[in-house]
N, C-alpha and C. Protein backbone atom coordinates (compact mmCIF):
# COMPACT_ATOMS: atom_id res chain seq x y z
N UNK A 1 -6.20 7.26 31.50
CA UNK A 1 -5.62 6.22 30.24
C UNK A 1 -4.98 6.75 28.98
N UNK A 2 -4.16 6.55 28.26
CA UNK A 2 -3.50 7.17 26.81
C UNK A 2 -4.18 6.08 25.75
N UNK A 3 -4.71 6.97 24.93
CA UNK A 3 -5.75 6.62 23.67
C UNK A 3 -4.50 6.02 22.72
N UNK A 4 -5.33 5.34 21.80
CA UNK A 4 -4.34 4.65 20.70
C UNK A 4 -3.51 5.62 19.99
N UNK A 5 -4.54 6.63 19.53
CA UNK A 5 -3.86 7.63 18.97
C UNK A 5 -2.90 8.40 19.90
N UNK A 6 -3.09 8.70 20.98
CA UNK A 6 -2.25 9.35 21.90
C UNK A 6 -1.05 8.96 21.56
N UNK A 7 -0.95 7.39 21.87
CA UNK A 7 0.26 6.72 21.99
C UNK A 7 1.35 6.57 21.06
N UNK A 8 0.52 7.01 19.90
CA UNK A 8 1.22 6.83 18.54
C UNK A 8 1.94 8.55 18.37
N UNK A 9 0.85 9.42 18.51
CA UNK A 9 2.00 10.49 18.49
C UNK A 9 2.94 10.68 19.66
N UNK A 10 2.43 10.30 20.94
CA UNK A 10 4.24 10.29 21.97
C UNK A 10 5.17 9.49 21.61
N UNK A 11 5.08 8.48 20.49
CA UNK A 11 5.55 7.73 19.82
C UNK A 11 6.62 8.25 18.91
N UNK A 12 6.25 8.84 18.01
CA UNK A 12 6.16 9.70 17.07
C UNK A 12 6.96 10.91 17.25
N UNK A 13 7.16 11.55 18.30
CA UNK A 13 7.48 12.51 19.06
C UNK A 13 6.66 13.68 18.48
N UNK A 14 5.57 13.92 18.66
CA UNK A 14 4.09 14.37 18.67
C UNK A 14 4.46 15.10 17.06
N UNK A 15 3.70 16.05 16.68
CA UNK A 15 3.53 16.37 15.77
C UNK A 15 5.00 17.40 15.11
N UNK A 16 5.19 16.94 13.90
CA UNK A 16 6.27 17.62 13.30
C UNK A 16 7.54 16.67 12.98
N UNK A 17 7.36 15.87 14.24
CA UNK A 17 8.41 15.00 14.22
C UNK A 17 8.50 13.44 13.05
N UNK A 18 10.09 13.63 12.99
CA UNK A 18 10.03 12.37 11.48
C UNK A 18 9.61 11.10 11.91
N UNK A 19 9.89 10.01 10.94
CA UNK A 19 9.98 8.72 11.55
C UNK A 19 11.17 8.07 11.20
N UNK A 20 11.75 7.17 11.49
CA UNK A 20 13.05 6.65 11.28
C UNK A 20 13.57 5.69 9.88
N UNK A 21 11.77 5.85 9.36
CA UNK A 21 11.96 4.92 8.12
C UNK A 21 11.07 5.21 7.32
N UNK A 22 11.12 5.62 5.77
CA UNK A 22 10.45 6.17 5.03
C UNK A 22 9.25 5.19 4.18
N UNK A 23 8.22 5.76 4.43
CA UNK A 23 6.89 4.98 4.48
C UNK A 23 6.31 5.60 3.12
N UNK A 24 5.66 4.69 2.02
CA UNK A 24 5.07 4.87 0.77
C UNK A 24 4.01 4.10 0.62
N UNK A 25 3.39 5.02 -0.69
CA UNK A 25 1.55 4.34 -0.91
C UNK A 25 2.24 3.86 -2.39
N UNK A 26 1.96 2.00 -2.23
CA UNK A 26 1.90 1.26 -3.65
C UNK A 26 0.54 1.16 -4.08
N UNK A 27 0.64 1.55 -5.29
CA UNK A 27 -0.60 1.05 -6.48
C UNK A 27 -0.49 -0.07 -6.59
N UNK A 28 -1.67 -0.75 -6.62
CA UNK A 28 -1.76 -1.75 -7.53
C UNK A 28 -3.03 -1.69 -8.41
N UNK A 29 -3.35 -2.55 -9.40
CA UNK A 29 -4.55 -2.65 -9.82
C UNK A 29 -5.00 -4.02 -10.29
N UNK A 30 -6.42 -4.12 -10.82
CA UNK A 30 -6.56 -5.64 -10.97
C UNK A 30 -8.04 -4.84 -11.52
N UNK A 31 -8.34 -6.06 -12.50
CA UNK A 31 -9.46 -6.24 -13.03
C UNK A 31 -10.77 -6.42 -12.13
N UNK A 32 -10.73 -7.40 -11.29
CA UNK A 32 -11.83 -7.72 -10.05
C UNK A 32 -11.64 -7.09 -8.90
N UNK A 33 -12.36 -6.35 -8.21
CA UNK A 33 -12.19 -5.33 -6.97
C UNK A 33 -12.63 -6.13 -5.85
N UNK A 34 -12.97 -7.62 -5.68
CA UNK A 34 -13.15 -8.44 -4.97
C UNK A 34 -12.08 -9.19 -4.59
N UNK A 35 -11.06 -9.60 -5.64
CA UNK A 35 -9.98 -10.09 -5.94
C UNK A 35 -8.93 -9.21 -5.38
N UNK A 36 -8.68 -7.95 -5.69
CA UNK A 36 -7.97 -7.15 -5.10
C UNK A 36 -7.71 -6.64 -3.02
N UNK A 37 -9.75 -6.68 -3.08
CA UNK A 37 -9.74 -6.68 -1.79
C UNK A 37 -9.08 -7.83 -0.38
N UNK A 38 -9.36 -8.95 -1.36
CA UNK A 38 -8.44 -10.51 -0.44
C UNK A 38 -7.26 -10.42 -1.19
N UNK A 39 -6.59 -9.80 -1.90
CA UNK A 39 -4.95 -9.81 -2.02
C UNK A 39 -4.44 -8.85 -0.55
N UNK A 40 -5.27 -7.79 -0.98
CA UNK A 40 -4.80 -6.89 0.21
C UNK A 40 -5.10 -6.92 1.75
N UNK A 41 -6.23 -7.74 1.58
CA UNK A 41 -6.51 -8.38 3.04
C UNK A 41 -5.41 -9.55 3.46
N UNK A 42 -4.67 -9.95 2.47
CA UNK A 42 -3.52 -11.09 2.45
C UNK A 42 -1.95 -10.38 3.26
N UNK A 43 -2.22 -9.13 2.48
CA UNK A 43 -0.74 -8.28 2.62
C UNK A 43 -0.99 -7.26 4.22
N UNK A 44 -2.10 -7.36 4.29
CA UNK A 44 -2.11 -6.75 5.65
C UNK A 44 -2.33 -7.65 7.14
N UNK A 45 -2.96 -8.93 6.56
CA UNK A 45 -2.28 -10.51 7.86
C UNK A 45 -1.27 -10.59 7.62
N UNK A 46 -0.50 -10.39 6.68
CA UNK A 46 1.09 -10.79 6.47
C UNK A 46 2.15 -9.63 7.37
N UNK A 47 1.62 -8.30 7.45
CA UNK A 47 2.37 -6.96 7.88
C UNK A 47 3.23 -7.14 6.88
N UNK A 48 2.87 -6.71 5.54
CA UNK A 48 3.46 -6.25 4.33
C UNK A 48 3.17 -4.96 4.07
N UNK A 49 1.49 -4.95 4.40
CA UNK A 49 1.01 -3.48 4.40
C UNK A 49 0.37 -3.12 5.78
N UNK A 50 0.12 -1.93 5.93
CA UNK A 50 -0.72 -1.18 7.19
C UNK A 50 -2.00 -1.32 7.08
N UNK A 51 -2.71 -0.94 5.62
CA UNK A 51 -4.02 -0.84 5.22
C UNK A 51 -4.15 -0.67 3.72
N UNK A 52 -4.85 -0.77 2.93
CA UNK A 52 -5.14 -0.59 1.73
C UNK A 52 -6.84 -0.13 1.28
N UNK A 53 -6.28 1.12 0.81
CA UNK A 53 -7.57 1.75 0.73
C UNK A 53 -8.03 1.48 -0.74
N UNK A 54 -9.18 0.64 -0.82
CA UNK A 54 -9.91 -0.28 -2.17
C UNK A 54 -10.58 0.89 -2.99
N UNK A 55 -10.23 1.19 -3.93
CA UNK A 55 -11.50 2.11 -4.96
C UNK A 55 -12.06 0.86 -5.92
N UNK A 56 -12.90 0.70 -5.44
CA UNK A 56 -13.84 -0.62 -6.79
C UNK A 56 -13.35 -0.29 -7.75
N UNK A 57 -13.89 1.07 -8.73
CA UNK A 57 -14.11 1.33 -10.15
C UNK A 57 -13.41 2.29 -10.58
N UNK A 58 -12.52 2.35 -11.22
CA UNK A 58 -11.73 3.13 -12.10
C UNK A 58 -11.54 3.05 -13.19
N UNK A 59 -11.30 3.73 -14.09
CA UNK A 59 -10.93 3.64 -15.84
C UNK A 59 -9.47 3.56 -16.20
N UNK A 60 -9.25 2.48 -16.56
CA UNK A 60 -8.18 2.57 -16.86
C UNK A 60 -7.82 2.98 -18.53
N UNK A 61 -6.87 3.94 -18.90
CA UNK A 61 -6.52 3.65 -20.47
C UNK A 61 -4.92 3.61 -20.70
N UNK A 62 -4.73 2.59 -21.11
CA UNK A 62 -3.29 2.01 -21.62
C UNK A 62 -2.84 1.39 -22.79
N UNK A 63 -1.87 1.45 -23.14
CA UNK A 63 -1.23 0.97 -24.46
C UNK A 63 -1.27 -0.66 -23.76
N UNK A 64 -1.49 -1.75 -24.63
CA UNK A 64 -1.30 -2.89 -24.35
C UNK A 64 -0.76 -3.99 -25.90
N UNK A 65 0.05 -4.26 -26.69
CA UNK A 65 -0.03 -5.42 -27.65
C UNK A 65 0.13 -4.18 -28.64
N UNK A 66 0.14 -3.20 -28.77
CA UNK A 66 0.10 -2.21 -30.01
C UNK A 66 -1.40 -1.76 -30.17
N UNK A 67 -2.30 -1.98 -29.29
CA UNK A 67 -3.48 -1.35 -29.12
C UNK A 67 -3.86 -0.40 -27.50
N UNK A 68 -4.49 0.70 -28.32
CA UNK A 68 -4.78 1.13 -27.06
C UNK A 68 -6.31 0.70 -26.61
N UNK A 69 -6.15 0.70 -24.88
CA UNK A 69 -7.24 -0.50 -24.25
C UNK A 69 -7.96 0.54 -23.92
N UNK A 70 -9.19 0.42 -23.51
CA UNK A 70 -9.99 1.26 -22.65
C UNK A 70 -10.94 0.48 -21.60
N UNK A 71 -10.43 0.09 -20.24
CA UNK A 71 -10.92 -0.87 -19.15
C UNK A 71 -11.43 -0.13 -18.09
N UNK A 72 -12.21 -0.83 -17.21
CA UNK A 72 -12.82 -0.86 -16.06
C UNK A 72 -11.80 -1.63 -15.45
N UNK A 73 -10.92 -1.03 -14.08
CA UNK A 73 -10.58 -1.84 -12.71
C UNK A 73 -10.62 -1.39 -11.76
N UNK A 74 -10.39 -2.03 -10.75
CA UNK A 74 -10.10 -1.14 -9.07
C UNK A 74 -8.73 -1.32 -9.16
N UNK A 75 -8.11 -0.30 -7.74
CA UNK A 75 -7.20 -0.03 -7.52
C UNK A 75 -7.41 0.36 -6.27
N UNK A 76 -6.13 -0.04 -5.56
CA UNK A 76 -5.65 -0.07 -3.98
C UNK A 76 -4.25 0.64 -3.72
N UNK A 77 -4.73 1.83 -2.55
CA UNK A 77 -3.43 2.21 -2.20
C UNK A 77 -3.22 1.57 -1.03
N UNK A 78 -2.03 0.83 -0.74
CA UNK A 78 -1.34 0.26 0.54
C UNK A 78 -0.36 1.10 0.81
N UNK A 79 -0.49 1.55 2.29
CA UNK A 79 0.30 2.12 3.10
C UNK A 79 1.41 1.52 4.08
N UNK A 80 2.71 1.25 3.43
CA UNK A 80 3.45 0.17 3.57
C UNK A 80 4.84 1.17 4.20
N UNK A 81 5.96 0.36 4.23
CA UNK A 81 7.36 0.64 4.28
C UNK A 81 8.12 0.62 3.05
N UNK A 82 8.76 1.34 2.75
CA UNK A 82 9.46 1.40 1.44
C UNK A 82 10.48 0.10 1.39
N UNK A 83 10.84 -0.80 2.80
CA UNK A 83 11.60 -1.94 2.39
C UNK A 83 10.75 -2.86 2.19
N UNK A 84 9.43 -2.56 1.92
CA UNK A 84 8.70 -4.08 1.93
C UNK A 84 8.05 -3.84 0.41
N UNK A 85 8.55 -2.97 -0.32
CA UNK A 85 8.06 -2.79 -1.82
C UNK A 85 8.44 -4.36 -2.49
N UNK A 86 9.54 -4.39 -2.48
CA UNK A 86 10.21 -5.67 -3.24
C UNK A 86 9.15 -6.84 -2.93
N UNK A 87 8.71 -7.33 -1.58
CA UNK A 87 7.96 -8.51 -0.88
C UNK A 87 6.91 -7.99 -1.74
N UNK A 88 6.19 -6.93 -1.52
CA UNK A 88 4.66 -6.52 -2.14
C UNK A 88 4.58 -7.25 -3.90
N UNK A 89 5.60 -6.42 -4.67
CA UNK A 89 5.92 -7.02 -5.86
C UNK A 89 6.05 -8.46 -6.15
N UNK A 90 7.01 -9.10 -5.65
CA UNK A 90 6.88 -10.52 -5.58
C UNK A 90 5.84 -11.31 -5.59
N UNK A 91 4.84 -10.58 -4.50
CA UNK A 91 3.66 -11.11 -4.35
C UNK A 91 2.50 -11.33 -5.68
N UNK A 92 2.88 -9.82 -6.13
CA UNK A 92 2.02 -9.40 -7.04
C UNK A 92 2.28 -10.31 -8.14
N UNK A 93 3.33 -10.44 -8.49
CA UNK A 93 4.02 -11.16 -9.16
C UNK A 93 3.20 -12.97 -9.34
N UNK A 94 3.54 -13.54 -8.08
CA UNK A 94 2.94 -14.61 -8.10
C UNK A 94 1.79 -14.79 -8.09
N UNK A 95 0.77 -14.11 -7.71
CA UNK A 95 -0.75 -14.15 -7.25
C UNK A 95 -1.87 -13.51 -8.00
N UNK A 96 -0.83 -12.34 -9.09
CA UNK A 96 -1.89 -11.58 -9.47
C UNK A 96 -2.53 -12.27 -11.09
N UNK A 97 -3.67 -11.98 -11.10
CA UNK A 97 -4.32 -12.98 -12.41
C UNK A 97 -3.48 -11.84 -13.99
N UNK A 98 -2.96 -11.24 -13.79
CA UNK A 98 -2.50 -10.61 -14.77
C UNK A 98 -1.08 -10.91 -15.33
N UNK A 99 -0.68 -10.70 -16.38
CA UNK A 99 0.42 -11.18 -16.93
C UNK A 99 1.82 -10.22 -16.31
N UNK A 100 1.49 -8.84 -16.64
CA UNK A 100 2.35 -7.23 -15.99
C UNK A 100 1.17 -6.60 -15.24
N UNK A 101 1.10 -7.03 -13.77
CA UNK A 101 0.33 -6.42 -12.96
C UNK A 101 0.99 -4.72 -12.43
N UNK A 102 0.31 -3.99 -12.77
CA UNK A 102 0.80 -2.74 -12.03
C UNK A 102 1.15 -2.29 -10.58
N UNK A 103 2.37 -2.20 -10.28
CA UNK A 103 2.46 -2.23 -9.07
C UNK A 103 3.60 -1.01 -8.72
N UNK A 104 3.41 -0.05 -8.31
CA UNK A 104 4.20 1.33 -8.44
C UNK A 104 4.17 1.64 -7.01
N UNK A 105 5.24 2.12 -6.64
CA UNK A 105 5.51 2.69 -4.75
C UNK A 105 5.49 4.29 -5.18
N UNK A 106 4.91 5.23 -4.69
CA UNK A 106 5.08 6.72 -4.81
C UNK A 106 5.44 7.16 -3.28
N UNK A 107 6.19 7.94 -3.02
CA UNK A 107 6.82 8.57 -2.10
C UNK A 107 6.18 9.03 -1.12
N UNK A 108 6.17 8.83 0.14
CA UNK A 108 5.23 9.72 1.49
C UNK A 108 6.71 10.71 1.79
N UNK A 109 6.25 11.66 1.56
CA UNK A 109 7.45 13.04 1.81
C UNK A 109 7.13 13.20 3.09
N UNK A 110 5.68 13.65 3.95
CA UNK A 110 5.54 13.90 5.17
C UNK A 110 4.33 13.45 5.51
N UNK A 111 3.67 14.18 6.80
CA UNK A 111 2.52 13.25 6.70
C UNK A 111 2.18 13.26 8.49
N UNK A 112 1.22 12.71 8.93
CA UNK A 112 1.06 13.06 10.27
C UNK A 112 1.88 12.27 11.22
N UNK A 113 2.68 12.59 12.13
CA UNK A 113 3.78 11.60 12.46
C UNK A 113 2.90 10.63 12.93
N UNK A 114 1.94 10.70 13.57
CA UNK A 114 1.70 9.44 14.59
C UNK A 114 1.33 8.18 13.57
N UNK A 115 0.15 9.01 12.33
CA UNK A 115 -0.38 7.90 11.51
C UNK A 115 1.04 7.55 10.94
N UNK A 116 2.43 8.07 10.53
CA UNK A 116 3.70 7.23 9.89
C UNK A 116 3.95 6.17 11.01
N UNK A 117 4.03 6.83 11.74
CA UNK A 117 4.37 5.39 13.46
C UNK A 117 3.20 4.54 13.01
N UNK A 118 1.73 4.21 13.19
CA UNK A 118 1.54 3.25 13.03
C UNK A 118 1.55 2.96 11.93
N UNK A 119 1.89 3.09 10.52
CA UNK A 119 2.47 2.30 9.42
C UNK A 119 3.43 1.51 10.09
N UNK A 120 4.38 1.94 10.30
CA UNK A 120 5.63 1.43 10.71
C UNK A 120 5.32 0.27 11.92
N UNK A 121 4.35 0.81 12.98
CA UNK A 121 4.42 -0.51 13.74
C UNK A 121 3.03 -1.40 13.35
N UNK A 122 2.65 -1.47 12.53
CA UNK A 122 1.36 -2.16 11.88
C UNK A 122 2.11 -3.52 10.83
N UNK A 123 3.46 -2.95 10.36
CA UNK A 123 4.59 -3.60 9.23
C UNK A 123 5.28 -4.58 9.84
N UNK A 124 5.93 -5.51 9.28
CA UNK A 124 7.08 -6.19 9.63
C UNK A 124 8.57 -5.43 9.30
N UNK A 125 8.99 -5.41 9.69
CA UNK A 125 10.38 -4.84 9.06
C UNK A 125 11.16 -6.57 8.41
N UNK A 126 11.64 -5.87 7.39
CA UNK A 126 12.09 -7.28 6.63
C UNK A 126 13.96 -7.34 7.31
N UNK A 127 14.00 -6.63 7.74
CA UNK A 127 15.64 -6.61 8.39
C UNK A 127 15.82 -7.37 9.15
């Protein structure tokens, strides 16, 4: 019987093979780690992200309304398709408690082809 990992390796063409669509990591921050975890769960449930790695405690230093702020926040790295970034951004704009939520997409230049294939399989193609 073929394992799940082996199935993804075969689908990806083995190690060193490319994938058909670029994947990325989308970073989102929030003041409340529990809210961020639930937001992440909704995105995964709706197949906008394959997974999210929530870091419950980070320190953010930033300029806001003319003053430097120094606050505790939570951060998530969402693994998804580049083509889903606009939908994730729209969800954050609609649901996030911040007026201006941090949502940035970082490129994934390379990686384990089986893992990248799993990201594509676990998310919904918007086209």
